[in-house]
Amino acid sequence: MNIDKESYDKISELITSDDSPVGIDAKKTHIYIIHKLHQIEKRLEALEDREET
């Protein structure tokens, strides 16, 4: 996976947790992933709608 350093750092800041033994907040991580998947779903629906017309 190629991800630019700026994006990587932003995501890392969002999910980092000093309280977690693995260094990330699992809840924040899952919320971020679900949010991104929802955005992808909306974009796909918009593309599909354009193809139908």
Protein backbone atom coordinates (compact mmCIF):
# COMPACT_ATOMS: atom_id res chain seq x y z
CA MET A 1 0.00 0.00 0.00
CA ASN A 2 1.42 3.34 -1.01
CA ILE A 3 0.41 6.19 1.25
CA ASP A 4 2.10 9.55 1.37
CA LYS A 5 3.83 10.54 4.61
CA GLU A 6 1.46 13.42 5.33
CA SER A 7 -1.62 11.18 5.12
CA TYR A 8 0.11 8.46 7.12
CA ASP A 9 0.99 10.93 9.87
CA LYS A 10 -2.55 12.33 9.99
CA ILE A 11 -4.09 8.86 10.31
CA SER A 12 -1.51 7.89 12.90
CA GLU A 13 -2.38 10.95 14.99
CA LEU A 14 -6.07 10.07 14.82
CA ILE A 15 -5.72 6.51 16.06
CA THR A 16 -2.73 6.70 18.43
CA SER A 17 -3.34 5.93 22.08
CA ASP A 18 -0.74 6.01 24.84
CA ASP A 19 -3.15 4.02 27.03
CA SER A 20 -3.21 1.04 24.66
CA PRO A 21 -0.61 -1.74 24.86
CA VAL A 22 -0.48 -1.82 21.03
CA GLY A 23 -0.31 1.96 20.66
CA ILE A 24 -3.63 2.54 18.89
CA ASP A 25 -7.18 3.15 20.02
CA ALA A 26 -9.19 0.27 18.55
CA LYS A 27 -12.51 2.11 18.77
CA LYS A 28 -11.18 5.19 16.96
CA THR A 29 -9.53 2.96 14.37
CA HIS A 30 -12.76 1.08 13.64
CA ILE A 31 -14.80 4.28 13.50
CA TYR A 32 -12.31 5.75 11.03
CA ILE A 33 -12.42 2.62 8.85
CA ILE A 34 -16.23 2.48 8.89
CA HIS A 35 -16.43 6.19 8.05
CA LYS A 36 -14.07 5.74 5.09
CA LEU A 37 -16.01 2.69 3.87
CA HIS A 38 -19.22 4.70 4.06
CA GLN A 39 -17.62 7.44 1.95
CA ILE A 40 -16.53 4.85 -0.62
CA GLU A 41 -20.03 3.37 -0.69
CA LYS A 42 -21.58 6.80 -1.36
CA ARG A 43 -19.10 7.45 -4.18
CA LEU A 44 -19.84 4.07 -5.76
CA GLU A 45 -23.57 4.72 -5.57
CA ALA A 46 -23.08 8.09 -7.26
CA LEU A 47 -21.05 6.45 -10.03
CA GLU A 48 -23.67 3.75 -10.49
CA ASP A 49 -26.41 6.38 -10.68
CA ARG A 50 -24.48 8.23 -13.39
CA GLU A 51 -24.09 5.01 -15.40
CA GLU A 52 -27.84 4.36 -15.29
CA THR A 53 -28.69 7.71 -16.87
